[in-house]
Amino acid sequence: MRPSDPSKPSYVARIERIEADARGANVKIHVRWYYRPEESIGGRRQFHGSKEVFLSDHFDVQSADTIEAKCTVHSFKSYTKLDAVGNDDFFCRFEYNSSTGAFNPDRVAVYCKCEMPYNPDDLMVQCEGCTDWFHPACIDMTVEEAKRLDHFFCESCSAEGQKKLQNSHSASRHSDTKVDTKRRRR
């Protein structure tokens, strides 16, 4: 929907109902607003995606003339599976109570050493050992280096692999079983 200040981004709303007078004129739309993170109490945080909106409890009636274009607000899961994100694509993973500032759900899964929720705008790499996800910067890697990776093992899984290797060496000293000490590079 068109904002009164043209320098601001368009408002995003879900149309709940459309009504017109007896002549079919004076069309009004009943909407439920989506808020952008910066419009919420607490503001935008590092994990909020650039296309993230919150479904609010704020209902309103507007003139149909204020509609600028149709957009799609995806679930978080379906948004992360999009092949290409267009200008009219947004995602929502929270409902927002505009009077209290409360979110539902009030907790989400966190990832990486930094324990932040997933931001679909940021690249993350997955450990092949524990399957945890990491931001390149949190593991002392550039985004370019991360993009060139064929395989990745986090610090914990790399250390665990070394322990298993050391244990197999000490076990081989006490038995006649030959242990291959070469590790296949992954």
C-alpha atoms as a PDB file:
ATOM      1  CA  MET A   1       0.000   0.000   0.000  1.00  0.00           C
ATOM      2  CA  ARG A   2       1.170   3.473  -0.835  1.00  0.00           C
ATOM      3  CA  PRO A   3       2.743   5.402   2.075  1.00  0.00           C
ATOM      4  CA  SER A   4       1.996   9.108   2.500  1.00  0.00           C
ATOM      5  CA  ASP A   5       5.761   9.787   2.411  1.00  0.00           C
ATOM      6  CA  PRO A   6       7.066   8.675  -1.025  1.00  0.00           C
ATOM      7  CA  SER A   7      10.608   8.206   0.336  1.00  0.00           C
ATOM      8  CA  LYS A   8       9.396   5.360   2.579  1.00  0.00           C
ATOM      9  CA  PRO A   9       8.874   1.766   1.423  1.00  0.00           C
ATOM     10  CA  SER A  10       5.357   0.602   0.619  1.00  0.00           C
ATOM     11  CA  TYR A  11       3.263  -0.783   3.442  1.00  0.00           C
ATOM     12  CA  VAL A  12       2.445  -4.490   3.419  1.00  0.00           C
ATOM     13  CA  ALA A  13      -1.015  -5.682   4.464  1.00  0.00           C
ATOM     14  CA  ARG A  14      -3.182  -8.762   4.165  1.00  0.00           C
ATOM     15  CA  ILE A  15      -6.609  -8.064   2.709  1.00  0.00           C
ATOM     16  CA  GLU A  16      -9.219  -9.531   5.033  1.00  0.00           C
ATOM     17  CA  ARG A  17     -12.351  -8.259   3.275  1.00  0.00           C
ATOM     18  CA  ILE A  18     -13.441  -5.995   0.396  1.00  0.00           C
ATOM     19  CA  GLU A  19     -16.681  -4.014   0.451  1.00  0.00           C
ATOM     20  CA  ALA A  20     -18.344  -1.428  -1.769  1.00  0.00           C
ATOM     21  CA  ASP A  21     -21.494   0.664  -1.607  1.00  0.00           C
ATOM     22  CA  ALA A  22     -24.702  -0.360  -3.457  1.00  0.00           C
ATOM     23  CA  ARG A  23     -23.489   1.162  -6.738  1.00  0.00           C
ATOM     24  CA  GLY A  24     -20.185  -0.728  -6.540  1.00  0.00           C
ATOM     25  CA  ALA A  25     -18.328   2.504  -5.891  1.00  0.00           C
ATOM     26  CA  ASN A  26     -16.427   3.711  -2.841  1.00  0.00           C
ATOM     27  CA  VAL A  27     -14.567   0.406  -2.479  1.00  0.00           C
ATOM     28  CA  LYS A  28     -13.049  -0.126   0.959  1.00  0.00           C
ATOM     29  CA  ILE A  29     -10.654  -2.838   2.029  1.00  0.00           C
ATOM     30  CA  HIS A  30     -10.325  -4.261   5.510  1.00  0.00           C
ATOM     31  CA  VAL A  31      -6.660  -5.068   6.097  1.00  0.00           C
ATOM     32  CA  ARG A  32      -4.411  -6.614   8.690  1.00  0.00           C
ATOM     33  CA  TRP A  33      -1.057  -4.854   8.702  1.00  0.00           C
ATOM     34  CA  TYR A  34       2.371  -6.419   8.528  1.00  0.00           C
ATOM     35  CA  TYR A  35       5.050  -4.490  10.400  1.00  0.00           C
ATOM     36  CA  ARG A  36       8.678  -4.229   9.329  1.00  0.00           C
ATOM     37  CA  PRO A  37      11.201  -4.941  12.112  1.00  0.00           C
ATOM     38  CA  GLU A  38      12.139  -1.256  12.388  1.00  0.00           C
ATOM     39  CA  GLU A  39       8.458  -0.420  13.041  1.00  0.00           C
ATOM     40  CA  SER A  40       8.285  -2.753  16.042  1.00  0.00           C
ATOM     41  CA  ILE A  41       9.253  -2.157  19.653  1.00  0.00           C
ATOM     42  CA  GLY A  42      12.898  -3.213  19.840  1.00  0.00           C
ATOM     43  CA  GLY A  43      13.536  -2.372  16.192  1.00  0.00           C
ATOM     44  CA  ARG A  44      15.523  -4.220  13.556  1.00  0.00           C
ATOM     45  CA  ARG A  45      17.981  -6.826  14.834  1.00  0.00           C
ATOM     46  CA  GLN A  46      20.914  -8.509  13.126  1.00  0.00           C
ATOM     47  CA  PHE A  47      18.973 -11.696  12.361  1.00  0.00           C
ATOM     48  CA  HIS A  48      16.024  -9.963  10.681  1.00  0.00           C
ATOM     49  CA  GLY A  49      16.052 -10.485   6.939  1.00  0.00           C
ATOM     50  CA  SER A  50      15.725  -7.517   4.598  1.00  0.00           C
ATOM     51  CA  LYS A  51      12.359  -8.873   3.375  1.00  0.00           C
ATOM     52  CA  GLU A  52      11.046  -9.875   6.815  1.00  0.00           C
ATOM     53  CA  VAL A  53       7.671  -8.622   8.052  1.00  0.00           C
ATOM     54  CA  PHE A  54       5.587  -9.462  11.137  1.00  0.00           C
ATOM     55  CA  LEU A  55       1.857 -10.170  10.951  1.00  0.00           C
ATOM     56  CA  SER A  56       0.331  -7.772  13.475  1.00  0.00           C
ATOM     57  CA  ASP A  57      -2.904  -7.506  15.418  1.00  0.00           C
ATOM     58  CA  HIS A  58      -3.439  -4.069  13.845  1.00  0.00           C
ATOM     59  CA  PHE A  59      -6.561  -4.029  11.649  1.00  0.00           C
ATOM     60  CA  ASP A  60      -7.661  -1.082   9.528  1.00  0.00           C
ATOM     61  CA  VAL A  61     -10.028   0.038   6.763  1.00  0.00           C
ATOM     62  CA  GLN A  62      -8.497   1.759   3.728  1.00  0.00           C
ATOM     63  CA  SER A  63      -9.643   3.008   0.353  1.00  0.00           C
ATOM     64  CA  ALA A  64      -8.957   0.481  -2.410  1.00  0.00           C
ATOM     65  CA  ASP A  65      -7.182   3.320  -4.243  1.00  0.00           C
ATOM     66  CA  THR A  66      -4.267   3.026  -1.815  1.00  0.00           C
ATOM     67  CA  ILE A  67      -3.367  -0.426  -3.154  1.00  0.00           C
ATOM     68  CA  GLU A  68      -0.137  -0.165  -5.111  1.00  0.00           C
ATOM     69  CA  ALA A  69       0.456  -3.775  -6.139  1.00  0.00           C
ATOM     70  CA  LYS A  70       0.046  -7.375  -5.090  1.00  0.00           C
ATOM     71  CA  CYS A  71       2.860  -8.967  -3.118  1.00  0.00           C
ATOM     72  CA  THR A  72       3.393 -12.406  -1.622  1.00  0.00           C
ATOM     73  CA  VAL A  73       4.201 -12.968   2.040  1.00  0.00           C
ATOM     74  CA  HIS A  74       5.682 -16.449   2.319  1.00  0.00           C
ATOM     75  CA  SER A  75       6.148 -18.588   5.381  1.00  0.00           C
ATOM     76  CA  PHE A  76       9.777 -18.546   6.527  1.00  0.00           C
ATOM     77  CA  LYS A  77      10.268 -22.122   5.343  1.00  0.00           C
ATOM     78  CA  SER A  78       8.863 -21.553   1.844  1.00  0.00           C
ATOM     79  CA  TYR A  79      10.795 -18.268   1.474  1.00  0.00           C
ATOM     80  CA  THR A  80      14.113 -20.008   2.183  1.00  0.00           C
ATOM     81  CA  LYS A  81      13.331 -22.506  -0.595  1.00  0.00           C
ATOM     82  CA  LEU A  82      12.647 -19.879  -3.292  1.00  0.00           C
ATOM     83  CA  ASP A  83      14.972 -20.100  -6.282  1.00  0.00           C
ATOM     84  CA  ALA A  84      14.808 -16.344  -6.783  1.00  0.00           C
ATOM     85  CA  VAL A  85      13.410 -13.640  -4.513  1.00  0.00           C
ATOM     86  CA  GLY A  86      11.540 -10.872  -6.303  1.00  0.00           C
ATOM     87  CA  ASN A  87      10.723  -7.329  -5.213  1.00  0.00           C
ATOM     88  CA  ASP A  88       7.203  -8.489  -4.342  1.00  0.00           C
ATOM     89  CA  ASP A  89       8.340 -11.400  -2.121  1.00  0.00           C
ATOM     90  CA  PHE A  90       8.398 -11.082   1.675  1.00  0.00           C
ATOM     91  CA  PHE A  91       8.456 -13.580   4.534  1.00  0.00           C
ATOM     92  CA  CYS A  92       6.899 -13.805   7.973  1.00  0.00           C
ATOM     93  CA  ARG A  93       7.986 -16.018  10.876  1.00  0.00           C
ATOM     94  CA  PHE A  94       6.463 -14.021  13.754  1.00  0.00           C
ATOM     95  CA  GLU A  95       3.118 -12.571  14.743  1.00  0.00           C
ATOM     96  CA  TYR A  96       3.456  -9.229  16.493  1.00  0.00           C
ATOM     97  CA  ASN A  97       1.242  -7.671  19.163  1.00  0.00           C
ATOM     98  CA  SER A  98       1.471  -3.960  18.379  1.00  0.00           C
ATOM     99  CA  SER A  99       0.297  -2.791  21.812  1.00  0.00           C
ATOM    100  CA  THR A 100       2.571  -4.973  23.976  1.00  0.00           C
ATOM    101  CA  GLY A 101       5.484  -5.539  21.599  1.00  0.00           C
ATOM    102  CA  ALA A 102       5.247  -9.304  22.184  1.00  0.00           C
ATOM    103  CA  PHE A 103       6.095 -11.822  19.474  1.00  0.00           C
ATOM    104  CA  ASN A 104       4.631 -15.240  18.785  1.00  0.00           C
ATOM    105  CA  PRO A 105       6.499 -17.525  18.833  1.00  0.00           C
ATOM    106  CA  ASP A 106       8.629 -15.841  21.465  1.00  0.00           C
ATOM    107  CA  ARG A 107      11.559 -18.186  20.758  1.00  0.00           C
ATOM    108  CA  VAL A 108      13.147 -19.527  17.596  1.00  0.00           C
ATOM    109  CA  ALA A 109      16.006 -21.891  16.857  1.00  0.00           C
ATOM    110  CA  VAL A 110      19.471 -20.371  17.055  1.00  0.00           C
ATOM    111  CA  TYR A 111      22.559 -21.352  15.099  1.00  0.00           C
ATOM    112  CA  CYS A 112      26.309 -20.869  15.059  1.00  0.00           C
ATOM    113  CA  LYS A 113      28.681 -19.974  17.898  1.00  0.00           C
ATOM    114  CA  CYS A 114      26.965 -16.577  18.105  1.00  0.00           C
ATOM    115  CA  GLU A 115      23.608 -18.253  18.871  1.00  0.00           C
ATOM    116  CA  MET A 116      21.594 -16.074  16.494  1.00  0.00           C
ATOM    117  CA  PRO A 117      18.401 -17.021  14.652  1.00  0.00           C
ATOM    118  CA  TYR A 118      18.815 -17.686  10.942  1.00  0.00           C
ATOM    119  CA  ASN A 119      18.850 -14.681   8.611  1.00  0.00           C
ATOM    120  CA  PRO A 120      18.195 -15.887   5.048  1.00  0.00           C
ATOM    121  CA  ASP A 121      20.212 -12.926   3.702  1.00  0.00           C
ATOM    122  CA  ASP A 122      23.417 -14.253   5.296  1.00  0.00           C
ATOM    123  CA  LEU A 123      25.473 -17.163   3.993  1.00  0.00           C
ATOM    124  CA  MET A 124      26.059 -20.008   6.439  1.00  0.00           C
ATOM    125  CA  VAL A 125      28.101 -23.201   6.130  1.00  0.00           C
ATOM    126  CA  GLN A 126      27.052 -26.581   7.516  1.00  0.00           C
ATOM    127  CA  CYS A 127      29.410 -28.923   9.348  1.00  0.00           C
ATOM    128  CA  GLU A 128      29.378 -32.391   7.809  1.00  0.00           C
ATOM    129  CA  GLY A 129      30.028 -33.945  11.218  1.00  0.00           C
ATOM    130  CA  CYS A 130      27.450 -32.463  13.584  1.00  0.00           C
ATOM    131  CA  THR A 131      25.285 -30.748  10.892  1.00  0.00           C
ATOM    132  CA  ASP A 132      25.365 -27.422  12.809  1.00  0.00           C
ATOM    133  CA  TRP A 133      25.378 -24.187  10.783  1.00  0.00           C
ATOM    134  CA  PHE A 134      27.974 -21.397  11.072  1.00  0.00           C
ATOM    135  CA  HIS A 135      28.459 -17.852   9.791  1.00  0.00           C
ATOM    136  CA  PRO A 136      31.794 -17.616   7.963  1.00  0.00           C
ATOM    137  CA  ALA A 137      32.901 -14.641  10.123  1.00  0.00           C
ATOM    138  CA  CYS A 138      32.263 -16.665  13.313  1.00  0.00           C
ATOM    139  CA  ILE A 139      34.707 -19.353  12.145  1.00  0.00           C
ATOM    140  CA  ASP A 140      37.374 -16.883  10.929  1.00  0.00           C
ATOM    141  CA  MET A 141      36.532 -17.302   7.270  1.00  0.00           C
ATOM    142  CA  THR A 142      35.523 -14.856   4.560  1.00  0.00           C
ATOM    143  CA  VAL A 143      32.321 -15.308   2.574  1.00  0.00           C
ATOM    144  CA  GLU A 144      34.470 -15.883  -0.527  1.00  0.00           C
ATOM    145  CA  GLU A 145      36.409 -18.673   1.233  1.00  0.00           C
ATOM    146  CA  ALA A 146      33.149 -20.234   2.429  1.00  0.00           C
ATOM    147  CA  LYS A 147      31.730 -20.225  -1.102  1.00  0.00           C
ATOM    148  CA  ARG A 148      34.783 -22.155  -2.337  1.00  0.00           C
ATOM    149  CA  LEU A 149      34.441 -24.918   0.289  1.00  0.00           C
ATOM    150  CA  ASP A 150      33.661 -28.410  -0.924  1.00  0.00           C
ATOM    151  CA  HIS A 151      33.477 -29.827   2.609  1.00  0.00           C
ATOM    152  CA  PHE A 152      33.493 -28.323   6.083  1.00  0.00           C
ATOM    153  CA  PHE A 153      34.047 -29.699   9.593  1.00  0.00           C
ATOM    154  CA  CYS A 154      33.692 -27.381  12.583  1.00  0.00           C
ATOM    155  CA  GLU A 155      36.328 -27.070  15.311  1.00  0.00           C
ATOM    156  CA  SER A 156      34.539 -29.560  17.589  1.00  0.00           C
ATOM    157  CA  CYS A 157      34.147 -32.212  14.900  1.00  0.00           C
ATOM    158  CA  SER A 158      37.721 -31.731  13.688  1.00  0.00           C
ATOM    159  CA  ALA A 159      38.974 -32.164  17.286  1.00  0.00           C
ATOM    160  CA  GLU A 160      36.707 -35.220  17.769  1.00  0.00           C
ATOM    161  CA  GLY A 161      38.101 -36.762  14.605  1.00  0.00           C
ATOM    162  CA  GLN A 162      41.649 -36.227  15.881  1.00  0.00           C
ATOM    163  CA  LYS A 163      40.769 -37.894  19.231  1.00  0.00           C
ATOM    164  CA  LYS A 164      39.337 -40.937  17.437  1.00  0.00           C
ATOM    165  CA  LEU A 165      42.453 -41.125  15.301  1.00  0.00           C
ATOM    166  CA  GLN A 166      44.737 -40.942  18.381  1.00  0.00           C
ATOM    167  CA  ASN A 167      42.688 -43.618  20.183  1.00  0.00           C
ATOM    168  CA  SER A 168      42.946 -45.916  17.188  1.00  0.00           C
ATOM    169  CA  HIS A 169      46.755 -45.455  17.169  1.00  0.00           C
ATOM    170  CA  SER A 170      47.088 -46.436  20.837  1.00  0.00           C
ATOM    171  CA  ALA A 171      44.758 -49.409  20.336  1.00  0.00           C
ATOM    172  CA  SER A 172      46.827 -50.641  17.389  1.00  0.00           C
ATOM    173  CA  ARG A 173      49.973 -50.780  19.543  1.00  0.00           C
ATOM    174  CA  HIS A 174      48.307 -53.340  21.791  1.00  0.00           C
ATOM    175  CA  SER A 175      46.984 -55.573  19.031  1.00  0.00           C
ATOM    176  CA  ASP A 176      48.157 -57.031  15.768  1.00  0.00           C
ATOM    177  CA  THR A 177      45.418 -55.202  13.846  1.00  0.00           C
ATOM    178  CA  LYS A 178      46.798 -52.815  11.293  1.00  0.00           C
ATOM    179  CA  VAL A 179      45.184 -49.365  11.358  1.00  0.00           C
ATOM    180  CA  ASP A 180      45.229 -47.168   8.299  1.00  0.00           C
ATOM    181  CA  THR A 181      46.365 -43.778   9.549  1.00  0.00           C
ATOM    182  CA  LYS A 182      45.566 -41.965   6.323  1.00  0.00           C
ATOM    183  CA  ARG A 183      42.494 -39.851   6.569  1.00  0.00           C
ATOM    184  CA  ARG A 184      40.575 -39.309   3.412  1.00  0.00           C
ATOM    185  CA  ARG A 185      40.299 -35.581   2.812  1.00  0.00           C
ATOM    186  CA  ARG A 186      36.669 -34.550   2.681  1.00  0.00           C
END
